[in-house]
Amino acid sequence: MVSRVYNYNPGPSTLPLEVLEIIQKELLDYRGTGMSIMEISHRSPEYDEINNQAISLVKNLMDLGDNYHVIFVGGGASTQFAHIPLNFLPEGKVAAYVDTGTWSAKAIKEAQNLGNVHLAASSKDKGYTYVPMADELDFPNDAVYLHLTSNNTIKGTQFHEFPNSGKVPLICDMSSDILSHQIDFNKFALFYAGAQKNLGPSGVTMVVLRDDMLERINDGLPTFFDYRTHTEKKSLFNTPPSFTIYVVKLILEWIKQQGGLKVVENNNKKKKDLIYNLIDANPDYFHAPVSENSRSWMNIVFRLFSEDMEQKFISEAKVAGLIGLKGHRSVGGIRVSLYNAMTLEGAEKVAEFMENFRRNN
């Protein structure tokens, strides 16, 4: 028998058991080909079907029309930090960014290496324990785009309302909360996500961009760095991370089988409420540093009354089969990651452990 733990790692993160079982079943012989999906050609009809189905599922789940392109590329979301200004920030123009934590700060640094950046808002003044409200953002009307990070895995904050950016294209890094709840994806000109949180294993980044953005791309780019290269070739300009894209396709199917984003959102709300309600009921024991209206549904962070007690919490949780609860090395504390694949039972288990730990300590 396989012994599975409850995996709260922030990324690479837990995957749906049902999807892992399909991978296991198809690993040696993908649908009668006599080859693993890792062995078949990315030019084969079998892989072409996987790629096309993945694109179709993304558009279906997000209610996107034919004016959007879905591409799968390597390099992680961090590569997109540079690709976006390379493509859309011309010399003499300005791009607007919202600074809400580690990953948005990295995106800003990459853009500053390539052009002019306007800081539309920042929550650094309070240690990134909140996200600015949509109506607090200040950016020029002629900015070439407005970039923000929807969920901040390290600090445990999340945008629950997105700004109306008017004629300024809205770009979003959704790496850690993509497809976790219902939003209007059509308000974004471009959004992207590393797969290793909600979409699949590490190794591929999904980028979705609107038709009109292709007309804004700077000329003279290296071929591989030009988004038009990948949209025209449907992610097949070079050999793609085919196995990872295959898993992404399976997870998209799994989300659809759950009932789509409405059902996924409802399940995620139940999970996060279990933990936050327990924290709020015991404020002298569990300290949540994040402003209540900015709390992440995906990454719940909190502190205990001493670092020694936090270490004890993490150690005892590991013995109990609850893995990956240590906070990021830059902030310490505890972090409970509740991505889509984490079951309601998994949220109940960690809540039960938290309550027992409090009573015993």
Protein backbone atom coordinates (compact mmCIF):
# COMPACT_ATOMS: atom_id res chain seq x y z
CA MET A 1 0.00 0.00 0.00
CA VAL A 2 1.21 3.51 -0.81
CA SER A 3 1.45 5.77 2.25
CA ARG A 4 0.43 9.36 1.39
CA VAL A 5 1.00 12.33 3.69
CA TYR A 6 -0.92 15.60 3.77
CA ASN A 7 1.24 17.90 1.66
CA TYR A 8 0.99 21.64 2.43
CA ASN A 9 4.14 22.56 0.50
CA PRO A 10 3.86 25.97 -1.21
CA GLY A 11 5.22 24.74 -4.54
CA PRO A 12 5.85 22.28 -6.00
CA SER A 13 2.66 21.39 -4.23
CA THR A 14 0.17 18.58 -3.82
CA LEU A 15 -1.52 17.14 -6.92
CA PRO A 16 -4.96 15.51 -7.11
CA LEU A 17 -4.71 11.81 -6.28
CA GLU A 18 -7.08 10.99 -9.15
CA VAL A 19 -4.69 12.68 -11.59
CA LEU A 20 -1.66 10.89 -10.19
CA GLU A 21 -3.44 7.57 -10.65
CA ILE A 22 -4.15 8.37 -14.32
CA ILE A 23 -0.49 9.29 -14.83
CA GLN A 24 0.57 6.05 -13.17
CA LYS A 25 -1.77 4.02 -15.38
CA GLU A 26 -0.66 5.71 -18.62
CA LEU A 27 3.02 6.19 -17.82
CA LEU A 28 4.47 3.17 -19.65
CA ASP A 29 2.00 2.99 -22.51
CA TYR A 30 0.14 6.16 -23.41
CA ARG A 31 -3.17 5.08 -24.97
CA GLY A 32 -1.85 2.20 -27.00
CA THR A 33 1.21 3.94 -28.45
CA GLY A 34 3.57 1.54 -26.67
CA MET A 35 5.48 4.60 -25.41
CA SER A 36 5.40 6.87 -22.39
CA ILE A 37 4.09 10.38 -22.90
CA MET A 38 7.67 11.42 -22.13
CA GLU A 39 8.86 9.51 -25.19
CA ILE A 40 6.42 10.44 -27.93
CA SER A 41 7.18 13.18 -30.43
CA HIS A 42 5.79 16.66 -29.76
CA ARG A 43 4.91 16.63 -33.48
CA SER A 44 2.81 13.47 -33.16
CA PRO A 45 -1.00 13.50 -33.44
CA GLU A 46 -1.20 12.14 -29.88
CA TYR A 47 0.66 15.12 -28.45
CA ASP A 48 -1.13 17.55 -30.75
CA GLU A 49 -4.40 16.35 -29.22
CA ILE A 50 -3.05 16.95 -25.68
CA ASN A 51 -1.89 20.46 -26.55
CA ASN A 52 -5.17 21.41 -28.25
CA GLN A 53 -7.28 19.99 -25.43
CA ALA A 54 -5.27 21.89 -22.82
CA ILE A 55 -5.79 25.18 -24.70
CA SER A 56 -9.50 24.49 -25.14
CA LEU A 57 -9.96 23.63 -21.45
CA VAL A 58 -8.24 26.83 -20.33
CA LYS A 59 -10.56 28.94 -22.48
CA ASN A 60 -13.61 26.97 -21.38
CA LEU A 61 -12.90 27.19 -17.65
CA MET A 62 -12.04 30.90 -17.88
CA ASP A 63 -14.84 31.80 -20.32
CA LEU A 64 -12.38 33.25 -22.84
CA GLY A 65 -13.08 33.79 -26.51
CA ASP A 66 -10.99 33.34 -29.64
CA ASN A 67 -9.42 36.76 -29.04
CA TYR A 68 -7.20 35.13 -26.40
CA HIS A 69 -4.14 32.96 -27.02
CA VAL A 70 -2.95 30.28 -24.59
CA ILE A 71 0.72 29.31 -24.72
CA PHE A 72 2.89 26.99 -22.63
CA VAL A 73 6.53 27.95 -22.19
CA GLY A 74 9.51 27.01 -20.02
CA GLY A 75 11.58 29.14 -17.69
CA GLY A 76 9.08 29.59 -14.88
CA ALA A 77 7.05 32.68 -14.11
CA SER A 78 10.29 34.46 -13.21
CA THR A 79 11.23 34.44 -16.90
CA GLN A 80 8.02 36.32 -17.65
CA PHE A 81 9.24 39.12 -15.37
CA ALA A 82 11.71 39.96 -18.15
CA HIS A 83 9.67 38.81 -21.16
CA ILE A 84 6.84 41.25 -20.41
CA PRO A 85 8.92 44.47 -20.47
CA LEU A 86 10.99 43.10 -23.36
CA ASN A 87 7.81 42.77 -25.40
CA PHE A 88 5.72 45.70 -24.21
CA LEU A 89 7.93 48.43 -22.71
CA PRO A 90 9.37 50.63 -25.50
CA GLU A 91 12.15 53.11 -24.92
CA GLY A 92 10.82 56.40 -23.55
CA LYS A 93 7.56 54.86 -22.25
CA VAL A 94 6.64 53.80 -18.71
CA ALA A 95 5.17 50.63 -17.21
CA ALA A 96 3.24 50.70 -13.92
CA TYR A 97 3.72 48.08 -11.20
CA VAL A 98 2.10 47.30 -7.85
CA ASP A 99 4.56 46.10 -5.19
CA THR A 100 2.98 43.62 -2.78
CA GLY A 101 5.82 41.25 -1.89
CA THR A 102 8.83 39.24 -2.95
CA TRP A 103 7.66 38.18 -6.41
CA SER A 104 6.25 41.54 -7.45
CA ALA A 105 9.50 43.16 -6.27
CA LYS A 106 11.46 40.76 -8.48
CA ALA A 107 9.20 41.61 -11.43
CA ILE A 108 9.78 45.32 -10.80
CA LYS A 109 13.56 44.82 -10.68
CA GLU A 110 13.55 43.04 -14.04
CA ALA A 111 11.44 45.78 -15.63
CA GLN A 112 13.74 48.49 -14.23
CA ASN A 113 16.66 46.76 -15.93
CA LEU A 114 14.86 47.24 -19.26
CA GLY A 115 13.03 50.55 -19.01
CA ASN A 116 11.09 53.10 -16.98
CA VAL A 117 8.89 51.88 -14.12
CA HIS A 118 6.21 53.79 -12.22
CA LEU A 119 5.27 52.44 -8.79
CA ALA A 120 1.47 52.51 -8.74
CA ALA A 121 1.28 51.39 -5.10
CA SER A 122 3.25 49.46 -2.50
CA SER A 123 2.48 47.68 0.77
CA LYS A 124 6.14 47.54 1.78
CA ASP A 125 5.50 50.22 4.42
CA LYS A 126 3.75 47.64 6.60
CA GLY A 127 5.89 44.63 5.76
CA TYR A 128 3.65 43.53 2.88
CA THR A 129 0.90 42.55 5.33
CA TYR A 130 -1.83 43.95 3.10
CA VAL A 131 -2.58 44.65 -0.57
CA PRO A 132 -3.62 48.13 -1.72
CA MET A 133 -7.27 48.59 -2.58
CA ALA A 134 -8.10 48.87 -6.26
CA ASP A 135 -9.09 52.54 -5.94
CA GLU A 136 -5.77 53.37 -4.24
CA LEU A 137 -3.64 52.62 -7.27
CA ASP A 138 -2.04 55.63 -8.96
CA PHE A 139 -0.68 55.18 -12.46
CA PRO A 140 -0.33 57.30 -15.62
CA ASN A 141 -3.05 57.06 -18.25
CA ASP A 142 -0.34 56.51 -20.86
CA ALA A 143 1.37 53.63 -19.05
CA VAL A 144 2.01 50.77 -21.48
CA TYR A 145 0.62 48.33 -18.91
CA LEU A 146 -0.24 47.89 -15.22
CA HIS A 147 1.28 44.79 -13.58
CA LEU A 148 0.25 43.19 -10.31
CA THR A 149 0.63 39.87 -8.46
CA SER A 150 -2.72 38.37 -7.49
CA ASN A 151 -1.53 36.21 -4.58
CA ASN A 152 1.61 36.48 -2.48
CA THR A 153 2.77 33.08 -1.28
CA ILE A 154 5.37 34.29 1.22
CA LYS A 155 3.42 37.01 3.02
CA GLY A 156 0.00 35.36 2.66
CA THR A 157 -1.88 38.21 0.96
CA GLN A 158 -4.23 38.22 -2.02
CA PHE A 159 -6.13 40.65 -4.21
CA HIS A 160 -9.87 40.05 -3.82
CA GLU A 161 -10.77 42.90 -6.16
CA PHE A 162 -8.94 43.90 -9.32
CA PRO A 163 -8.68 47.49 -10.57
CA ASN A 164 -10.38 48.93 -13.60
CA SER A 165 -7.29 50.03 -15.49
CA GLY A 166 -9.22 51.75 -18.29
CA LYS A 167 -7.19 51.90 -21.50
CA VAL A 168 -4.05 50.70 -19.74
CA PRO A 169 -3.61 46.93 -20.34
CA LEU A 170 -3.87 44.96 -17.09
CA ILE A 171 -1.23 42.23 -16.62
CA CYS A 172 -1.23 39.79 -13.73
CA ASP A 173 1.04 37.13 -12.25
CA MET A 174 -1.46 34.50 -11.07
CA SER A 175 1.06 31.79 -10.30
CA SER A 176 -0.28 30.86 -6.88
CA ASP A 177 -4.05 31.29 -7.18
CA ILE A 178 -4.85 30.58 -10.83
CA LEU A 179 -8.22 28.80 -11.26
CA SER A 180 -8.91 28.82 -7.51
CA HIS A 181 -12.02 31.02 -7.69
CA GLN A 182 -14.32 32.81 -10.10
CA ILE A 183 -13.06 36.05 -11.61
CA ASP A 184 -13.58 37.90 -14.87
CA PHE A 185 -10.48 36.85 -16.79
CA ASN A 186 -11.56 38.98 -19.74
CA LYS A 187 -10.50 42.15 -17.94
CA PHE A 188 -6.84 41.09 -18.24
CA ALA A 189 -4.74 41.83 -21.31
CA LEU A 190 -2.24 39.19 -20.24
CA PHE A 191 -1.87 36.85 -17.28
CA TYR A 192 0.54 34.07 -16.51
CA ALA A 193 1.17 31.34 -13.97
CA GLY A 194 3.86 28.84 -13.12
CA ALA A 195 2.20 25.44 -13.05
CA GLN A 196 3.58 24.19 -9.74
CA LYS A 197 0.85 25.54 -7.46
CA ASN A 198 -2.59 24.89 -8.97
CA LEU A 199 -1.91 23.68 -12.51
CA GLY A 200 0.53 20.80 -12.28
CA PRO A 201 4.17 19.96 -11.56
CA SER A 202 6.99 22.43 -12.09
CA GLY A 203 8.45 22.85 -15.56
CA VAL A 204 5.94 24.89 -17.54
CA THR A 205 4.40 28.36 -17.37
CA MET A 206 1.02 29.16 -18.87
CA VAL A 207 0.67 32.57 -20.53
CA VAL A 208 -2.67 33.87 -21.75
CA LEU A 209 -2.73 37.06 -23.81
CA ARG A 210 -5.26 39.01 -25.80
CA ASP A 211 -5.05 39.64 -29.54
CA ASP A 212 -4.43 43.37 -29.22
CA MET A 213 -1.29 42.77 -27.14
CA LEU A 214 0.36 41.10 -30.11
CA GLU A 215 0.10 44.41 -31.95
CA ARG A 216 1.98 46.19 -29.14
CA ILE A 217 5.07 43.98 -29.18
CA ASN A 218 8.42 45.72 -29.63
CA ASP A 219 10.28 45.00 -32.86
CA GLY A 220 13.74 43.49 -33.03
CA LEU A 221 13.39 40.95 -30.25
CA PRO A 222 15.27 37.63 -30.23
CA THR A 223 12.92 35.10 -31.81
CA PHE A 224 12.34 33.01 -28.72
CA PHE A 225 11.55 36.03 -26.52
CA ASP A 226 8.82 37.32 -28.86
CA TYR A 227 5.32 36.23 -27.77
CA ARG A 228 4.25 36.14 -31.42
CA THR A 229 6.66 33.26 -32.01
CA HIS A 230 4.82 31.07 -29.50
CA THR A 231 1.27 32.10 -30.36
CA GLU A 232 1.84 31.48 -34.08
CA LYS A 233 3.34 28.05 -33.39
CA LYS A 234 0.85 27.13 -30.64
CA SER A 235 3.72 26.56 -28.17
CA LEU A 236 5.52 24.26 -30.61
CA PHE A 237 8.29 26.57 -31.82
CA ASN A 238 10.72 24.39 -29.90
CA THR A 239 10.31 21.12 -28.00
CA PRO A 240 7.88 21.99 -25.18
CA PRO A 241 7.86 20.48 -21.66
CA SER A 242 5.42 17.90 -22.99
CA PHE A 243 5.04 15.73 -19.89
CA THR A 244 4.20 18.72 -17.70
CA ILE A 245 1.69 20.03 -20.24
CA TYR A 246 0.10 16.57 -20.31
CA VAL A 247 -0.34 16.76 -16.51
CA VAL A 248 -1.73 20.30 -16.79
CA LYS A 249 -4.30 18.97 -19.25
CA LEU A 250 -5.31 16.25 -16.79
CA ILE A 251 -5.68 18.77 -13.96
CA LEU A 252 -7.79 21.07 -16.13
CA GLU A 253 -10.03 18.08 -16.87
CA TRP A 254 -10.14 17.34 -13.12
CA ILE A 255 -11.24 20.92 -12.37
CA LYS A 256 -13.97 20.68 -14.98
CA GLN A 257 -15.12 17.34 -13.55
CA GLN A 258 -15.40 18.93 -10.11
CA GLY A 259 -17.99 21.31 -11.56
CA GLY A 260 -15.75 24.16 -12.67
CA LEU A 261 -14.63 27.27 -10.80
CA LYS A 262 -17.88 27.77 -8.90
CA VAL A 263 -17.48 24.42 -7.14
CA VAL A 264 -13.71 24.85 -6.72
CA GLU A 265 -14.23 28.29 -5.15
CA ASN A 266 -16.83 26.95 -2.74
CA ASN A 267 -14.49 24.16 -1.66
CA ASN A 268 -11.56 26.55 -1.23
CA LYS A 269 -13.72 28.87 0.88
CA LYS A 270 -14.62 26.02 3.23
CA LYS A 271 -10.95 25.09 3.60
CA LYS A 272 -9.67 28.59 4.35
CA ASP A 273 -12.57 29.31 6.74
CA LEU A 274 -11.63 26.27 8.84
CA ILE A 275 -8.15 27.66 9.47
CA TYR A 276 -8.89 31.38 9.72
CA ASN A 277 -11.85 30.81 12.07
CA LEU A 278 -9.58 28.82 14.39
CA ILE A 279 -6.92 31.54 14.28
CA ASP A 280 -9.47 34.28 14.99
CA ALA A 281 -10.96 32.29 17.87
CA ASN A 282 -7.55 32.08 19.54
CA PRO A 283 -5.81 35.42 18.86
CA ASP A 284 -3.57 35.13 21.94
CA TYR A 285 -2.13 31.86 20.62
CA PHE A 286 -2.19 32.13 16.82
CA HIS A 287 -1.12 35.53 15.51
CA ALA A 288 -2.18 36.31 11.93
CA PRO A 289 -0.11 39.29 10.66
CA VAL A 290 -2.17 39.89 7.49
CA SER A 291 -4.94 42.47 7.30
CA GLU A 292 -8.26 40.66 7.28
CA ASN A 293 -9.41 42.08 3.94
CA SER A 294 -6.14 40.96 2.28
CA ARG A 295 -5.94 37.40 3.57
CA SER A 296 -4.90 34.77 1.06
CA TRP A 297 -7.14 31.77 0.49
CA MET A 298 -4.18 29.80 -0.83
CA ASN A 299 -1.39 30.52 1.67
CA ILE A 300 -2.40 31.07 5.30
CA VAL A 301 0.44 32.44 7.42
CA PHE A 302 0.54 32.80 11.19
CA ARG A 303 2.94 32.93 14.14
CA LEU A 304 3.01 31.31 17.57
CA PHE A 305 4.31 33.06 20.70
CA SER A 306 7.93 31.88 20.26
CA GLU A 307 10.17 30.48 17.53
CA ASP A 308 10.91 27.44 19.69
CA MET A 309 7.19 26.67 19.86
CA GLU A 310 6.93 27.09 16.10
CA GLN A 311 9.73 24.57 15.60
CA LYS A 312 7.93 22.17 17.92
CA PHE A 313 4.71 22.70 15.96
CA ILE A 314 6.44 21.92 12.66
CA SER A 315 8.26 18.86 14.05
CA GLU A 316 5.17 17.34 15.63
CA ALA A 317 3.11 18.05 12.53
CA LYS A 318 5.65 16.16 10.41
CA VAL A 319 5.40 13.15 12.72
CA ALA A 320 1.62 13.32 12.31
CA GLY A 321 1.99 13.21 8.51
CA LEU A 322 1.39 16.93 7.93
CA ILE A 323 4.23 18.09 5.68
CA GLY A 324 5.39 21.50 4.44
CA LEU A 325 4.04 23.77 7.19
CA LYS A 326 7.23 25.76 7.75
CA GLY A 327 6.96 29.41 6.78
CA HIS A 328 9.25 30.87 4.14
CA ARG A 329 12.84 31.25 5.33
CA SER A 330 12.62 35.04 4.98
CA VAL A 331 9.72 35.42 7.42
CA GLY A 332 9.58 32.25 9.55
CA GLY A 333 6.42 31.14 11.30
CA ILE A 334 3.85 28.72 9.91
CA ARG A 335 2.34 28.59 6.43
CA VAL A 336 -0.59 26.38 5.43
CA SER A 337 -0.92 26.16 1.64
CA LEU A 338 -4.40 25.14 0.54
CA TYR A 339 -4.20 24.88 -3.24
CA ASN A 340 -7.00 23.33 -5.26
CA ALA A 341 -5.70 19.79 -4.89
CA MET A 342 -5.63 19.96 -1.09
CA THR A 343 -8.78 18.18 0.03
CA LEU A 344 -11.27 19.46 2.59
CA GLU A 345 -10.16 16.52 4.74
CA GLY A 346 -6.61 17.90 4.56
CA ALA A 347 -7.79 21.29 5.85
CA GLU A 348 -9.73 19.55 8.61
CA LYS A 349 -6.64 17.54 9.59
CA VAL A 350 -4.42 20.60 9.98
CA ALA A 351 -7.15 22.48 11.88
CA GLU A 352 -7.53 19.53 14.23
CA PHE A 353 -3.76 19.40 14.75
CA MET A 354 -3.65 23.15 15.48
CA GLU A 355 -6.38 22.86 18.09
CA ASN A 356 -4.77 19.83 19.77
CA PHE A 357 -1.39 21.54 19.79
CA ARG A 358 -2.86 24.60 21.46
CA ARG A 359 -4.53 22.51 24.14
CA ASN A 360 -1.36 20.52 24.84
CA ASN A 361 0.96 23.53 24.88
